[in-house]
Amino acid sequence: GAVEGGVKFDFSEISMPKDCFSQSNDNNEDNELNEIDDAYESDSEETKSVLQTCFKSMVETLSKQAPETITQVQLLVKELRRITLLWDELWLGTLAQYHSEIIQRQHQLEVEIEKVNENQNLDKEEKISLITEKYRIIMKPIIFILEQLQSVTSVEPETPHERQFQERYSDVIKEVLEKLKNPDHPDKPQESWLPLKVLQSKFQQKAHKRTAYTLKMQDISPLLVSMKDTVIAMPGLATSSKTRVTISSVSNHVSILPTKTKPKKLVFHGSDGQTYTYLFKGLEDLHLDERIMQFLSIANTMMAQGSDGSSHNLYRARHYSVIPLGPRSGLISWVDGTTPVFALYKRWQQREAAKANTKT
């Protein structure tokens, strides 16, 4: 998962706690399925434990043989994971992920409030007390999620960007949570949740930009920008021991692309004087992408061997390097001069819409 201020975190780790509205089915079929799931999870955990032990042994052995390389690679990966999801992106992404759940619970609360108000057997104080309790129960899971987020972004800041986030949003977040937990008018859900909408709109100001925006690496990861003349091999570059290219430095400019997972465009300066551009993607497993690129490389080798001996090979699939850094992030070599398929589709849509308008 993403590392936020030294805390391992990703969206999937925020889960809804069970509340009084959850229902359980205790039939035998479900019990059997649960037993199968438990057995599968047990096997998976055992396999994971064995792999972790093997990996740890490999790292220890390599650390003895090439301590500087291992130390620098560990630092590089740790800092890249830090910038996978910046704190403002984390808040915005989680709020967007649970937006429909929030709306659903608001609607549920409105229905419950209406039922209480229609009950003629309750006096005013009893109605207020009952509505307050229903508000607490129905909204508890959402507040639980927001408190988890707050705990992640309230740790000691390690970068200027994290420090700026806390200076700008910490008090606002604390105030919003307090108003959600103790609303002035629990019988008016829309009014109670207005502060959260305002907070979300603040986070969305940057996100609504359709073009990429730039941050400084020294703000989001001072350690990365301070790495100079490393012994780390340039990721995804096929070189021999004689022509080995290492990372000389990391560019101070980071472009944030305006897509869902906020991938970062990074530039590494090589020891050969060249620049190497990568797309750093988080919250995504790139192992399948890596396998596809390896398959294309093997296919190219096979087709080259089967050619008629001429230097020109008619069949060749272009591919690029994909370097997974774990199950949730990785680097992809940047390919210039390409057009996204979606851009072509969008243009076709616009042409079709223009034709339809002309006919009418």
Protein backbone atom coordinates (compact mmCIF):
# COMPACT_ATOMS: atom_id res chain seq x y z
CA GLY A 1 0.00 0.00 0.00
CA ALA A 2 0.92 3.65 -0.10
CA VAL A 3 3.16 4.97 2.66
CA GLU A 4 1.79 8.20 4.04
CA GLY A 5 4.14 9.91 6.49
CA GLY A 6 5.61 6.56 7.49
CA VAL A 7 2.17 4.91 7.80
CA LYS A 8 1.22 2.08 5.45
CA PHE A 9 -2.13 2.97 3.95
CA ASP A 10 -4.43 2.53 0.97
CA PHE A 11 -8.14 2.94 0.22
CA SER A 12 -8.86 -0.76 0.70
CA GLU A 13 -7.68 -0.58 4.31
CA ILE A 14 -10.58 1.70 5.18
CA SER A 15 -13.53 -0.60 5.76
CA MET A 16 -17.05 -0.09 7.01
CA PRO A 17 -17.60 -1.41 10.54
CA LYS A 18 -20.71 -3.52 11.12
CA ASP A 19 -23.64 -1.65 12.59
CA CYS A 20 -27.15 -2.45 13.73
CA PHE A 21 -28.42 -2.31 10.13
CA SER A 22 -26.14 -5.18 9.03
CA GLN A 23 -27.89 -8.50 8.60
CA SER A 24 -26.38 -11.99 8.82
CA ASN A 25 -27.50 -15.25 7.27
CA ASP A 26 -26.61 -18.31 9.33
CA ASN A 27 -27.59 -21.11 6.98
CA ASN A 28 -25.36 -24.16 6.52
CA GLU A 29 -24.43 -23.30 2.94
CA ASP A 30 -22.96 -19.96 4.01
CA ASN A 31 -21.06 -21.66 6.84
CA GLU A 32 -19.52 -24.15 4.40
CA LEU A 33 -18.48 -21.33 2.06
CA ASN A 34 -16.96 -19.45 4.99
CA GLU A 35 -14.96 -22.54 5.99
CA ILE A 36 -13.62 -22.85 2.43
CA ASP A 37 -12.71 -19.14 2.42
CA ASP A 38 -10.98 -19.49 5.80
CA ALA A 39 -8.96 -22.47 4.56
CA TYR A 40 -7.97 -20.58 1.40
CA GLU A 41 -6.96 -17.52 3.41
CA SER A 42 -4.93 -19.73 5.75
CA ASP A 43 -3.04 -21.25 2.78
CA SER A 44 -2.49 -17.79 1.30
CA GLU A 45 -1.12 -16.46 4.59
CA GLU A 46 1.22 -19.44 4.90
CA THR A 47 2.50 -18.96 1.34
CA LYS A 48 2.94 -15.24 1.96
CA SER A 49 4.91 -15.96 5.13
CA VAL A 50 7.25 -18.36 3.29
CA LEU A 51 7.81 -15.85 0.47
CA GLN A 52 8.53 -13.05 2.95
CA THR A 53 11.09 -15.24 4.73
CA CYS A 54 12.79 -16.08 1.41
CA PHE A 55 12.77 -12.44 0.35
CA LYS A 56 14.25 -11.34 3.68
CA SER A 57 17.07 -13.88 3.32
CA MET A 58 17.81 -12.66 -0.22
CA VAL A 59 17.95 -9.03 0.92
CA GLU A 60 20.27 -9.91 3.82
CA THR A 61 22.62 -11.78 1.47
CA LEU A 62 22.63 -8.97 -1.10
CA SER A 63 23.14 -6.38 1.68
CA LYS A 64 26.41 -8.10 2.60
CA GLN A 65 27.59 -8.20 -1.03
CA ALA A 66 26.44 -4.72 -2.13
CA PRO A 67 25.41 -2.71 0.95
CA GLU A 68 25.45 0.69 -0.78
CA THR A 69 23.25 -0.47 -3.65
CA ILE A 70 20.67 -2.11 -1.37
CA THR A 71 20.52 0.91 0.96
CA GLN A 72 20.00 3.32 -1.93
CA VAL A 73 17.37 1.13 -3.63
CA GLN A 74 15.44 0.78 -0.36
CA LEU A 75 15.49 4.56 0.09
CA LEU A 76 14.36 5.12 -3.52
CA VAL A 77 11.43 2.69 -3.22
CA LYS A 78 10.40 4.02 0.20
CA GLU A 79 10.31 7.63 -1.03
CA LEU A 80 8.51 6.71 -4.26
CA ARG A 81 5.85 4.98 -2.18
CA ARG A 82 5.57 8.12 -0.06
CA ILE A 83 4.56 10.18 -3.10
CA THR A 84 2.19 7.48 -4.43
CA LEU A 85 -0.71 9.28 -2.82
CA LEU A 86 -0.17 12.70 -1.28
CA TRP A 87 -2.31 13.61 1.72
CA ASP A 88 -4.71 15.88 -0.18
CA GLU A 89 -5.08 13.18 -2.88
CA LEU A 90 -5.73 10.62 -0.14
CA TRP A 91 -8.58 12.67 1.35
CA LEU A 92 -10.13 13.49 -2.01
CA GLY A 93 -9.87 9.91 -3.27
CA THR A 94 -11.47 8.45 -0.14
CA LEU A 95 -14.28 11.01 -0.08
CA ALA A 96 -14.98 10.30 -3.75
CA GLN A 97 -14.90 6.53 -3.13
CA TYR A 98 -17.47 6.74 -0.32
CA HIS A 99 -19.60 9.52 -1.83
CA SER A 100 -22.45 7.18 -2.82
CA GLU A 101 -22.35 5.55 0.64
CA ILE A 102 -22.65 8.97 2.29
CA ILE A 103 -25.62 9.93 0.07
CA GLN A 104 -27.29 6.58 0.78
CA ARG A 105 -26.95 7.00 4.54
CA GLN A 106 -28.21 10.57 4.37
CA HIS A 107 -31.32 9.34 2.56
CA GLN A 108 -31.73 6.52 5.10
CA LEU A 109 -31.51 9.05 7.93
CA GLU A 110 -34.10 11.32 6.30
CA VAL A 111 -36.53 8.37 6.08
CA GLU A 112 -35.96 7.52 9.75
CA ILE A 113 -36.44 11.16 10.80
CA GLU A 114 -39.71 11.31 8.88
CA LYS A 115 -40.96 8.17 10.66
CA VAL A 116 -40.09 9.63 14.07
CA ASN A 117 -41.78 12.95 13.32
CA GLU A 118 -44.95 11.16 12.20
CA ASN A 119 -45.14 9.20 15.45
CA GLN A 120 -47.92 10.85 17.47
CA ASN A 121 -47.05 8.93 20.66
CA LEU A 122 -43.76 10.77 21.17
CA ASP A 123 -43.36 14.24 22.62
CA LYS A 124 -40.88 16.79 21.23
CA GLU A 125 -38.00 15.90 23.57
CA GLU A 126 -38.39 12.17 22.90
CA LYS A 127 -38.35 12.81 19.16
CA ILE A 128 -35.17 14.89 19.38
CA SER A 129 -33.50 12.23 21.55
CA LEU A 130 -34.49 9.42 19.18
CA ILE A 131 -33.41 11.34 16.06
CA THR A 132 -30.04 12.14 17.67
CA GLU A 133 -29.46 8.46 18.44
CA LYS A 134 -30.47 7.38 14.93
CA TYR A 135 -28.10 9.99 13.48
CA ARG A 136 -25.26 8.63 15.63
CA ILE A 137 -25.90 5.00 14.60
CA ILE A 138 -26.42 5.59 10.87
CA MET A 139 -23.51 7.99 10.42
CA LYS A 140 -21.06 6.17 12.72
CA PRO A 141 -19.37 4.16 9.88
CA ILE A 142 -18.72 7.32 7.83
CA ILE A 143 -17.33 9.18 10.84
CA PHE A 144 -15.15 6.14 11.60
CA ILE A 145 -13.62 6.36 8.09
CA LEU A 146 -12.97 10.09 8.42
CA GLU A 147 -11.33 9.57 11.82
CA GLN A 148 -9.04 6.94 10.28
CA LEU A 149 -8.06 9.42 7.58
CA GLN A 150 -7.45 12.10 10.18
CA SER A 151 -5.16 9.78 12.17
CA VAL A 152 -3.10 9.05 9.02
CA THR A 153 -2.65 12.73 8.17
CA SER A 154 -2.08 13.87 11.77
CA VAL A 155 1.28 12.13 12.25
CA GLU A 156 4.49 14.14 12.48
CA PRO A 157 5.04 15.63 8.97
CA GLU A 158 8.23 14.51 7.22
CA THR A 159 8.09 16.73 4.13
CA PRO A 160 7.25 20.40 3.41
CA HIS A 161 4.14 19.26 1.50
CA GLU A 162 2.85 17.32 4.52
CA ARG A 163 3.61 20.30 6.76
CA GLN A 164 1.70 22.65 4.43
CA PHE A 165 -1.23 20.23 4.37
CA GLN A 166 -1.48 20.24 8.16
CA GLU A 167 -1.17 24.02 8.36
CA ARG A 168 -3.91 24.46 5.77
CA TYR A 169 -6.36 21.68 6.64
CA SER A 170 -5.77 20.25 10.14
CA ASP A 171 -7.99 22.74 11.99
CA VAL A 172 -10.64 22.59 9.26
CA ILE A 173 -10.74 18.77 9.37
CA LYS A 174 -10.96 18.79 13.17
CA GLU A 175 -13.84 21.29 13.05
CA VAL A 176 -15.69 19.29 10.35
CA LEU A 177 -15.39 16.06 12.35
CA GLU A 178 -16.61 17.76 15.51
CA LYS A 179 -19.67 19.14 13.70
CA LEU A 180 -20.41 15.73 12.20
CA LYS A 181 -20.17 13.96 15.56
CA ASN A 182 -22.15 16.63 17.43
CA PRO A 183 -24.46 18.37 14.93
CA ASP A 184 -26.47 21.41 16.01
CA HIS A 185 -29.51 20.06 14.17
CA PRO A 186 -29.39 16.26 13.78
CA ASP A 187 -32.90 16.42 12.30
CA LYS A 188 -31.46 18.29 9.29
CA PRO A 189 -28.91 15.89 7.68
CA GLN A 190 -28.21 18.14 4.70
CA GLU A 191 -27.22 20.99 7.01
CA SER A 192 -25.11 18.68 9.20
CA TRP A 193 -23.09 17.41 6.24
CA LEU A 194 -22.56 20.79 4.58
CA PRO A 195 -19.10 21.32 6.24
CA LEU A 196 -17.89 18.02 4.72
CA LYS A 197 -19.04 19.13 1.25
CA VAL A 198 -17.15 22.41 1.70
CA LEU A 199 -14.00 20.48 2.71
CA GLN A 200 -14.32 18.19 -0.31
CA SER A 201 -14.71 21.18 -2.65
CA LYS A 202 -11.44 22.62 -1.27
CA PHE A 203 -9.62 19.40 -2.13
CA GLN A 204 -11.25 19.37 -5.58
CA GLN A 205 -9.96 22.77 -6.63
CA LYS A 206 -6.74 21.26 -8.04
CA ALA A 207 -8.36 17.99 -9.11
CA HIS A 208 -10.86 19.74 -11.37
CA LYS A 209 -8.06 20.97 -13.61
CA ARG A 210 -8.09 18.92 -16.81
CA THR A 211 -4.40 19.48 -17.46
CA ALA A 212 -1.43 18.20 -15.49
CA TYR A 213 -0.07 20.40 -12.74
CA THR A 214 3.46 20.50 -11.38
CA LEU A 215 4.89 20.08 -7.88
CA LYS A 216 8.47 20.38 -6.70
CA MET A 217 10.16 17.16 -5.64
CA GLN A 218 11.90 19.03 -2.81
CA ASP A 219 8.44 19.67 -1.32
CA ILE A 220 7.03 16.15 -1.58
CA SER A 221 10.25 14.17 -1.05
CA PRO A 222 13.42 16.08 -0.09
CA LEU A 223 15.31 12.78 0.21
CA LEU A 224 14.69 11.85 -3.43
CA VAL A 225 15.86 15.19 -4.78
CA SER A 226 18.98 15.00 -2.58
CA MET A 227 20.09 11.65 -4.08
CA LYS A 228 23.18 12.31 -6.21
CA ASP A 229 25.50 10.02 -8.21
CA THR A 230 23.86 6.83 -6.98
CA VAL A 231 24.86 3.27 -7.85
CA ILE A 232 21.23 2.38 -8.70
CA ALA A 233 20.86 1.04 -12.25
CA MET A 234 18.45 3.01 -14.42
CA PRO A 235 15.07 1.17 -14.13
CA GLY A 236 14.07 -0.91 -17.14
CA LEU A 237 17.21 -0.12 -19.14
CA ALA A 238 18.83 -3.15 -20.81
CA THR A 239 22.58 -2.61 -20.44
CA SER A 240 25.70 -4.69 -20.03
CA SER A 241 28.26 -4.28 -17.25
CA LYS A 242 30.39 -2.13 -19.58
CA THR A 243 27.57 0.23 -20.56
CA ARG A 244 25.74 0.31 -17.22
CA VAL A 245 23.76 3.52 -16.68
CA THR A 246 22.97 4.61 -13.12
CA ILE A 247 20.71 7.29 -11.66
CA SER A 248 22.78 10.44 -11.30
CA SER A 249 19.96 12.60 -9.89
CA VAL A 250 16.18 13.04 -9.76
CA SER A 251 14.53 16.06 -11.39
CA ASN A 252 12.95 18.59 -9.04
CA HIS A 253 9.86 18.89 -11.27
CA VAL A 254 7.03 16.37 -10.85
CA SER A 255 3.97 16.49 -13.12
CA ILE A 256 0.71 15.18 -11.63
CA LEU A 257 -1.59 13.78 -14.32
CA PRO A 258 -5.32 14.58 -13.91
CA THR A 259 -6.57 10.98 -13.85
CA LYS A 260 -8.16 8.95 -11.04
CA THR A 261 -5.03 7.59 -9.29
CA LYS A 262 -3.01 10.82 -9.82
CA PRO A 263 0.05 9.20 -11.49
CA LYS A 264 3.30 11.19 -11.36
CA LYS A 265 5.59 11.93 -14.29
CA LEU A 266 9.18 11.67 -13.03
CA VAL A 267 12.48 12.43 -14.73
CA PHE A 268 15.74 10.68 -13.77
CA HIS A 269 19.10 12.01 -14.97
CA GLY A 270 21.44 9.19 -16.01
CA SER A 271 25.18 8.83 -15.53
CA ASP A 272 25.45 8.91 -19.36
CA GLY A 273 24.14 12.49 -19.44
CA GLN A 274 20.73 11.45 -20.82
CA THR A 275 17.34 12.01 -19.19
CA TYR A 276 14.92 9.12 -18.62
CA THR A 277 11.22 9.81 -18.08
CA TYR A 278 8.83 7.50 -16.22
CA LEU A 279 5.20 7.41 -15.23
CA PHE A 280 4.94 6.44 -11.57
CA LYS A 281 1.58 4.78 -10.89
CA GLY A 282 0.18 3.96 -7.46
CA LEU A 283 -2.81 1.96 -6.19
CA GLU A 284 -2.37 -0.39 -9.14
CA ASP A 285 -0.65 -3.74 -9.66
CA LEU A 286 1.64 -3.52 -12.71
CA HIS A 287 2.77 -7.16 -12.73
CA LEU A 288 0.34 -8.07 -15.54
CA ASP A 289 1.58 -5.10 -17.62
CA GLU A 290 5.13 -6.31 -17.03
CA ARG A 291 4.24 -9.83 -18.23
CA ILE A 292 2.63 -8.47 -21.41
CA MET A 293 5.75 -6.45 -22.23
CA GLN A 294 7.93 -9.51 -21.59
CA PHE A 295 5.69 -11.53 -23.92
CA LEU A 296 6.06 -8.89 -26.67
CA SER A 297 9.84 -8.94 -26.22
CA ILE A 298 9.91 -12.75 -26.54
CA ALA A 299 7.63 -12.57 -29.60
CA ASN A 300 10.02 -10.08 -31.24
CA THR A 301 12.96 -12.43 -30.60
CA MET A 302 11.08 -15.37 -32.13
CA MET A 303 10.01 -13.39 -35.20
CA ALA A 304 13.55 -12.06 -35.71
CA GLN A 305 14.92 -15.63 -35.68
CA GLY A 306 12.30 -16.70 -38.21
CA SER A 307 13.04 -13.92 -40.70
CA ASP A 308 14.57 -14.59 -44.11
CA GLY A 309 18.00 -13.37 -43.04
CA SER A 310 17.58 -9.79 -44.21
CA SER A 311 18.31 -6.98 -41.77
CA HIS A 312 14.76 -5.62 -42.08
CA ASN A 313 12.25 -7.37 -39.81
CA LEU A 314 8.66 -6.92 -41.03
CA TYR A 315 7.02 -8.07 -37.81
CA ARG A 316 7.95 -6.26 -34.64
CA ALA A 317 5.80 -5.19 -31.68
CA ARG A 318 6.88 -1.98 -29.98
CA HIS A 319 6.99 -2.24 -26.21
CA TYR A 320 8.27 -0.34 -23.19
CA SER A 321 9.66 -1.15 -19.75
CA VAL A 322 7.34 -1.77 -16.80
CA ILE A 323 8.97 -2.01 -13.36
CA PRO A 324 6.62 -3.07 -10.50
CA LEU A 325 7.80 -1.81 -7.10
CA GLY A 326 5.38 -4.03 -5.18
CA PRO A 327 1.74 -5.08 -5.45
CA ARG A 328 0.44 -1.51 -5.43
CA SER A 329 2.85 0.69 -7.43
CA GLY A 330 5.44 0.76 -10.18
CA LEU A 331 7.29 2.69 -12.89
CA ILE A 332 6.41 2.72 -16.59
CA SER A 333 8.85 4.07 -19.19
CA TRP A 334 7.39 7.22 -20.73
CA VAL A 335 6.75 6.92 -24.48
CA ASP A 336 6.74 10.24 -26.36
CA GLY A 337 4.79 10.97 -29.52
CA THR A 338 1.83 8.74 -28.75
CA THR A 339 -1.91 9.43 -28.89
CA PRO A 340 -4.20 7.83 -26.28
CA VAL A 341 -7.00 5.67 -27.71
CA PHE A 342 -9.49 7.59 -25.57
CA ALA A 343 -8.42 10.86 -27.26
CA LEU A 344 -9.24 9.34 -30.68
CA TYR A 345 -12.60 8.11 -29.39
CA LYS A 346 -13.35 11.55 -27.91
CA ARG A 347 -12.61 13.26 -31.23
CA TRP A 348 -14.87 10.78 -33.04
CA GLN A 349 -17.65 11.53 -30.54
CA GLN A 350 -17.26 15.26 -31.13
CA ARG A 351 -17.37 14.80 -34.92
CA GLU A 352 -20.51 12.66 -34.65
CA ALA A 353 -22.15 15.23 -32.37
CA ALA A 354 -21.26 18.01 -34.83
CA LYS A 355 -22.81 16.01 -37.71
CA ALA A 356 -26.00 15.45 -35.72
CA ASN A 357 -26.26 19.18 -34.92
CA THR A 358 -25.73 20.07 -38.59
CA LYS A 359 -28.55 17.74 -39.71
CA THR A 360 -30.99 19.19 -37.17
